[in-house]
Structures are given as C-alpha cells and as structure tokens.
Amino acid sequence: DYAVVASNSCGSDTSDCATISTIGLNDLIGNEIKLYPNPNQGEFSISVPVEFLGQTYEILDIHGRLLKNGIINTLIQQIMLNDLSNGNYWIKIGNEQPIQLIINQ
C-alpha cells in the first residue's frame, strides 16, 4: 500500500492509500530489440517492435563517435557495416540503451 504526503509551510496532507498488487515485466517483453547474428561479419539484422518504426539508429565506436546512422523503417532492418574494421561497436535506437555488436570479418 502506498500513499503520498504533500507538505508546505501551511502543513501537510496525506492522500488515500493505493494498493499495488503486481509489478510485472511482461509489458517490457514486447519492446525487445533483437540483434543477430552477433558477432557478425559486418552484416546483421535488427528485429524491433512496431513502436520503434521511424526511430533513428546510430552506430557508435567504443569512444562514442558516430560512424553511421539511419532510420528503422521495417520490423526487421538489415544493416551493412562491411566498411568497418573488426572490433566492438554499439548500436543505439532512439532513447534505448545501446546494444554492443561485434564485427569479426
């Protein structure tokens, strides 16, 4: 059970109690981003939920420098990075946490 107490110089007041019986992660499963294969040889796919269509993706090096960007316009987006050398990179989609990707040609 949770309540909020609001205070100011005139006093304080407590809200009604609200019961939170479940907190689930099931709602987050639908927003899963999948990157495969990883490691890859410079070509990989990203599978995103429909909510991510139209979002910008950015490929960053390990120093955070932008190397490539584009728009997610399909639920399974193919990305080619054949011009990058072997190493660790990051892909960031919209405001989501970056995902590490490894190129091993």
N, C-alpha and C. Protein backbone atom coordinates (compact mmCIF):
# COMPACT_ATOMS: atom_id res chain seq x y z
N ASP A 1 0.85 -1.18 0.00
CA ASP A 1 0.00 0.00 0.00
C ASP A 1 0.89 1.24 0.00
N TYR A 2 0.48 2.22 -0.82
CA TYR A 2 1.27 3.43 -0.94
C TYR A 2 0.37 4.64 -0.77
N ALA A 3 0.94 5.68 -0.18
CA ALA A 3 0.26 6.97 -0.03
C ALA A 3 1.29 8.06 -0.26
N VAL A 4 0.81 9.25 -0.56
CA VAL A 4 1.68 10.40 -0.78
C VAL A 4 1.39 11.43 0.30
N VAL A 5 2.46 11.96 0.88
CA VAL A 5 2.32 13.04 1.85
C VAL A 5 2.87 14.30 1.19
N ALA A 6 2.01 15.30 1.03
CA ALA A 6 2.42 16.59 0.45
C ALA A 6 2.51 17.60 1.58
N SER A 7 3.65 18.31 1.63
CA SER A 7 3.87 19.28 2.70
C SER A 7 4.28 20.62 2.13
N ASN A 8 3.89 21.68 2.84
CA ASN A 8 4.38 23.03 2.56
C ASN A 8 4.35 23.80 3.87
N SER A 9 4.55 25.10 3.82
CA SER A 9 4.61 25.89 5.06
C SER A 9 3.29 25.93 5.82
N CYS A 10 2.20 25.59 5.17
CA CYS A 10 0.89 25.60 5.82
C CYS A 10 0.55 24.27 6.49
N GLY A 11 1.34 23.24 6.27
CA GLY A 11 1.06 21.95 6.87
C GLY A 11 1.27 20.84 5.88
N SER A 12 0.64 19.70 6.12
CA SER A 12 0.78 18.55 5.22
C SER A 12 -0.55 17.83 5.11
N ASP A 13 -0.68 17.05 4.06
CA ASP A 13 -1.89 16.26 3.83
C ASP A 13 -1.46 14.94 3.22
N THR A 14 -2.17 13.88 3.55
CA THR A 14 -1.86 12.53 3.05
C THR A 14 -2.96 12.08 2.11
N SER A 15 -2.54 11.53 0.99
CA SER A 15 -3.51 11.03 0.00
C SER A 15 -4.12 9.73 0.48
N ASP A 16 -5.13 9.28 -0.24
CA ASP A 16 -5.68 7.95 0.01
C ASP A 16 -4.63 6.91 -0.32
N CYS A 17 -4.71 5.76 0.32
CA CYS A 17 -3.77 4.67 0.03
C CYS A 17 -4.16 3.98 -1.27
N ALA A 18 -3.15 3.61 -2.03
CA ALA A 18 -3.37 2.84 -3.26
C ALA A 18 -2.63 1.52 -3.10
N THR A 19 -3.31 0.43 -3.44
CA THR A 19 -2.71 -0.89 -3.33
C THR A 19 -2.12 -1.29 -4.67
N ILE A 20 -0.85 -1.63 -4.67
CA ILE A 20 -0.17 -2.14 -5.86
C ILE A 20 0.06 -3.63 -5.60
N SER A 21 -0.67 -4.47 -6.31
CA SER A 21 -0.56 -5.90 -6.03
C SER A 21 0.41 -6.62 -6.95
N THR A 22 0.67 -6.07 -8.14
CA THR A 22 1.63 -6.72 -9.04
C THR A 22 2.43 -5.66 -9.78
N ILE A 23 3.65 -5.96 -9.95
CA ILE A 23 4.52 -5.17 -10.81
C ILE A 23 5.14 -6.17 -11.74
N GLY A 24 4.84 -6.09 -13.04
CA GLY A 24 5.29 -7.12 -13.95
C GLY A 24 6.24 -6.62 -15.01
N LEU A 25 7.07 -7.53 -15.45
CA LEU A 25 7.98 -7.24 -16.55
C LEU A 25 7.39 -7.69 -17.88
N ASN A 26 6.24 -8.33 -17.87
CA ASN A 26 5.65 -8.82 -19.12
C ASN A 26 5.41 -7.70 -20.12
N ASP A 27 5.09 -6.51 -19.64
CA ASP A 27 4.85 -5.38 -20.54
C ASP A 27 6.13 -4.99 -21.29
N LEU A 28 7.29 -5.22 -20.68
CA LEU A 28 8.54 -4.86 -21.31
C LEU A 28 8.98 -5.85 -22.37
N ILE A 29 8.51 -7.08 -22.30
CA ILE A 29 8.93 -8.11 -23.26
C ILE A 29 8.57 -7.71 -24.69
N GLY A 30 7.44 -7.04 -24.88
CA GLY A 30 7.02 -6.63 -26.21
C GLY A 30 7.94 -5.59 -26.84
N ASN A 31 8.73 -4.90 -26.02
CA ASN A 31 9.63 -3.87 -26.52
C ASN A 31 11.05 -4.38 -26.71
N GLU A 32 11.18 -5.66 -26.89
CA GLU A 32 12.51 -6.25 -27.01
C GLU A 32 13.11 -6.00 -28.39
N ILE A 33 14.36 -5.57 -28.38
CA ILE A 33 15.12 -5.37 -29.61
C ILE A 33 16.08 -6.55 -29.73
N LYS A 34 16.11 -7.19 -30.89
CA LYS A 34 17.00 -8.33 -31.11
C LYS A 34 17.97 -7.99 -32.23
N LEU A 35 19.24 -8.29 -31.98
CA LEU A 35 20.29 -8.06 -32.96
C LEU A 35 20.93 -9.42 -33.26
N TYR A 36 20.99 -9.78 -34.53
CA TYR A 36 21.55 -11.08 -34.89
C TYR A 36 22.11 -11.06 -36.31
N PRO A 37 23.10 -11.87 -36.65
CA PRO A 37 23.96 -12.59 -35.71
C PRO A 37 24.89 -11.61 -35.02
N ASN A 38 25.34 -11.99 -33.85
CA ASN A 38 26.26 -11.16 -33.09
C ASN A 38 27.16 -12.08 -32.29
N PRO A 39 28.42 -12.19 -32.64
CA PRO A 39 29.20 -11.41 -33.58
C PRO A 39 28.77 -11.66 -35.03
N ASN A 40 29.19 -10.74 -35.89
CA ASN A 40 28.84 -10.85 -37.31
C ASN A 40 30.04 -10.46 -38.16
N GLN A 41 29.86 -10.53 -39.46
CA GLN A 41 30.93 -10.19 -40.40
C GLN A 41 30.67 -8.86 -41.10
N GLY A 42 29.95 -7.98 -40.44
CA GLY A 42 29.67 -6.67 -41.00
C GLY A 42 28.26 -6.54 -41.54
N GLU A 43 27.51 -7.64 -41.50
CA GLU A 43 26.10 -7.61 -41.92
C GLU A 43 25.28 -8.25 -40.82
N PHE A 44 24.24 -7.55 -40.37
CA PHE A 44 23.38 -8.10 -39.32
C PHE A 44 21.97 -7.55 -39.48
N SER A 45 21.06 -8.12 -38.71
CA SER A 45 19.67 -7.68 -38.72
C SER A 45 19.28 -7.23 -37.32
N ILE A 46 18.36 -6.31 -37.30
CA ILE A 46 17.77 -5.86 -36.04
C ILE A 46 16.28 -6.08 -36.15
N SER A 47 15.73 -6.77 -35.17
CA SER A 47 14.29 -7.01 -35.10
C SER A 47 13.73 -6.10 -34.00
N VAL A 48 12.74 -5.29 -34.36
CA VAL A 48 12.18 -4.33 -33.41
C VAL A 48 10.66 -4.45 -33.36
N PRO A 49 10.05 -4.07 -32.24
CA PRO A 49 8.59 -3.97 -32.20
C PRO A 49 8.11 -2.79 -33.03
N VAL A 50 6.87 -2.79 -33.37
CA VAL A 50 6.29 -1.77 -34.25
C VAL A 50 6.47 -0.36 -33.69
N GLU A 51 6.55 -0.22 -32.36
CA GLU A 51 6.70 1.10 -31.74
C GLU A 51 8.01 1.78 -32.14
N PHE A 52 8.99 1.01 -32.63
CA PHE A 52 10.28 1.57 -32.97
C PHE A 52 10.39 2.00 -34.43
N LEU A 53 9.37 1.72 -35.23
CA LEU A 53 9.41 2.15 -36.63
C LEU A 53 9.50 3.68 -36.68
N GLY A 54 10.39 4.17 -37.53
CA GLY A 54 10.60 5.60 -37.66
C GLY A 54 11.66 6.15 -36.73
N GLN A 55 12.15 5.33 -35.80
CA GLN A 55 13.20 5.77 -34.89
C GLN A 55 14.55 5.81 -35.61
N THR A 56 15.43 6.64 -35.14
CA THR A 56 16.78 6.73 -35.67
C THR A 56 17.67 5.70 -34.98
N TYR A 57 18.54 5.05 -35.76
CA TYR A 57 19.56 4.21 -35.15
C TYR A 57 20.91 4.86 -35.41
N GLU A 58 21.84 4.64 -34.48
CA GLU A 58 23.19 5.17 -34.59
C GLU A 58 24.17 4.05 -34.31
N ILE A 59 25.20 3.95 -35.12
CA ILE A 59 26.31 3.03 -34.88
C ILE A 59 27.45 3.87 -34.33
N LEU A 60 27.94 3.50 -33.14
CA LEU A 60 28.98 4.25 -32.45
C LEU A 60 30.20 3.37 -32.23
N ASP A 61 31.38 3.97 -32.24
CA ASP A 61 32.57 3.21 -31.90
C ASP A 61 32.71 3.18 -30.38
N ILE A 62 33.78 2.55 -29.88
CA ILE A 62 33.91 2.41 -28.43
C ILE A 62 34.20 3.74 -27.73
N HIS A 63 34.51 4.78 -28.49
CA HIS A 63 34.74 6.10 -27.93
C HIS A 63 33.48 6.97 -28.01
N GLY A 64 32.39 6.41 -28.52
CA GLY A 64 31.13 7.15 -28.62
C GLY A 64 31.00 8.00 -29.87
N ARG A 65 31.94 7.87 -30.81
CA ARG A 65 31.87 8.64 -32.06
C ARG A 65 30.84 8.02 -33.00
N LEU A 66 30.03 8.84 -33.61
CA LEU A 66 29.02 8.39 -34.56
C LEU A 66 29.70 7.97 -35.86
N LEU A 67 29.45 6.72 -36.28
CA LEU A 67 30.02 6.20 -37.52
C LEU A 67 28.99 6.09 -38.63
N LYS A 68 27.76 5.81 -38.26
CA LYS A 68 26.69 5.63 -39.25
C LYS A 68 25.37 5.82 -38.54
N ASN A 69 24.38 6.30 -39.28
CA ASN A 69 23.03 6.38 -38.72
C ASN A 69 22.02 6.15 -39.82
N GLY A 70 20.80 5.95 -39.42
CA GLY A 70 19.72 5.70 -40.36
C GLY A 70 18.39 5.66 -39.63
N ILE A 71 17.36 5.28 -40.35
CA ILE A 71 16.01 5.21 -39.81
C ILE A 71 15.55 3.75 -39.84
N ILE A 72 14.95 3.31 -38.74
CA ILE A 72 14.34 1.97 -38.71
C ILE A 72 13.02 2.07 -39.45
N ASN A 73 12.93 1.44 -40.63
CA ASN A 73 11.70 1.54 -41.42
C ASN A 73 11.03 0.20 -41.68
N THR A 74 11.59 -0.89 -41.13
CA THR A 74 10.95 -2.20 -41.21
C THR A 74 11.12 -2.91 -39.88
N LEU A 75 10.27 -3.88 -39.61
CA LEU A 75 10.35 -4.61 -38.35
C LEU A 75 11.63 -5.43 -38.23
N ILE A 76 12.18 -5.84 -39.37
CA ILE A 76 13.48 -6.50 -39.40
C ILE A 76 14.35 -5.68 -40.34
N GLN A 77 15.24 -4.91 -39.77
CA GLN A 77 16.09 -3.98 -40.51
C GLN A 77 17.45 -4.63 -40.76
N GLN A 78 17.89 -4.68 -42.00
CA GLN A 78 19.21 -5.20 -42.35
C GLN A 78 20.18 -4.02 -42.35
N ILE A 79 21.32 -4.20 -41.69
CA ILE A 79 22.33 -3.14 -41.63
C ILE A 79 23.66 -3.73 -42.09
N MET A 80 24.33 -3.01 -42.98
CA MET A 80 25.61 -3.46 -43.52
C MET A 80 26.70 -2.51 -43.05
N LEU A 81 27.73 -3.09 -42.43
CA LEU A 81 28.86 -2.32 -41.93
C LEU A 81 30.16 -2.92 -42.46
N ASN A 82 30.16 -3.37 -43.71
CA ASN A 82 31.33 -4.01 -44.30
C ASN A 82 32.54 -3.09 -44.36
N ASP A 83 32.32 -1.79 -44.29
CA ASP A 83 33.43 -0.84 -44.36
C ASP A 83 34.12 -0.61 -43.01
N LEU A 84 33.60 -1.21 -41.93
CA LEU A 84 34.22 -1.06 -40.62
C LEU A 84 35.18 -2.21 -40.34
N SER A 85 36.23 -1.94 -39.57
CA SER A 85 37.18 -2.99 -39.22
C SER A 85 36.63 -3.85 -38.08
N ASN A 86 37.31 -4.96 -37.87
CA ASN A 86 36.94 -5.84 -36.76
C ASN A 86 36.97 -5.05 -35.46
N GLY A 87 36.05 -5.36 -34.57
CA GLY A 87 36.06 -4.71 -33.27
C GLY A 87 34.69 -4.65 -32.65
N ASN A 88 34.62 -3.95 -31.53
CA ASN A 88 33.38 -3.77 -30.78
C ASN A 88 32.77 -2.41 -31.13
N TYR A 89 31.48 -2.42 -31.35
CA TYR A 89 30.73 -1.22 -31.67
C TYR A 89 29.44 -1.23 -30.86
N TRP A 90 28.72 -0.14 -30.92
CA TRP A 90 27.43 -0.03 -30.22
C TRP A 90 26.38 0.45 -31.21
N ILE A 91 25.17 -0.07 -31.06
CA ILE A 91 24.04 0.45 -31.83
C ILE A 91 23.04 1.01 -30.83
N LYS A 92 22.59 2.21 -31.10
CA LYS A 92 21.62 2.89 -30.24
C LYS A 92 20.39 3.20 -31.07
N ILE A 93 19.23 2.82 -30.57
CA ILE A 93 17.97 3.09 -31.27
C ILE A 93 17.14 4.01 -30.39
N GLY A 94 16.85 5.19 -30.93
CA GLY A 94 16.06 6.17 -30.17
C GLY A 94 16.69 6.44 -28.82
N ASN A 95 15.89 6.35 -27.76
CA ASN A 95 16.38 6.60 -26.41
C ASN A 95 16.72 5.32 -25.65
N GLU A 96 16.75 4.20 -26.35
CA GLU A 96 17.03 2.92 -25.69
C GLU A 96 18.50 2.80 -25.33
N GLN A 97 18.79 1.89 -24.41
CA GLN A 97 20.17 1.60 -24.04
C GLN A 97 20.91 1.06 -25.26
N PRO A 98 22.15 1.46 -25.47
CA PRO A 98 22.92 0.91 -26.60
C PRO A 98 23.13 -0.59 -26.46
N ILE A 99 23.23 -1.28 -27.59
CA ILE A 99 23.48 -2.71 -27.64
C ILE A 99 24.85 -2.90 -28.27
N GLN A 100 25.67 -3.72 -27.63
CA GLN A 100 27.02 -3.97 -28.17
C GLN A 100 26.91 -4.92 -29.36
N LEU A 101 27.67 -4.62 -30.40
CA LEU A 101 27.78 -5.54 -31.53
C LEU A 101 29.25 -5.73 -31.86
N ILE A 102 29.56 -6.91 -32.32
CA ILE A 102 30.95 -7.28 -32.59
C ILE A 102 31.09 -7.64 -34.05
N ILE A 103 32.04 -6.99 -34.71
CA ILE A 103 32.35 -7.32 -36.11
C ILE A 103 33.64 -8.13 -36.11
N ASN A 104 33.56 -9.30 -36.72
CA ASN A 104 34.70 -10.21 -36.78
C ASN A 104 34.74 -10.80 -38.18
N GLN A 105 35.33 -10.05 -39.13
CA GLN A 105 35.33 -10.47 -40.53
C GLN A 105 36.41 -11.47 -40.82
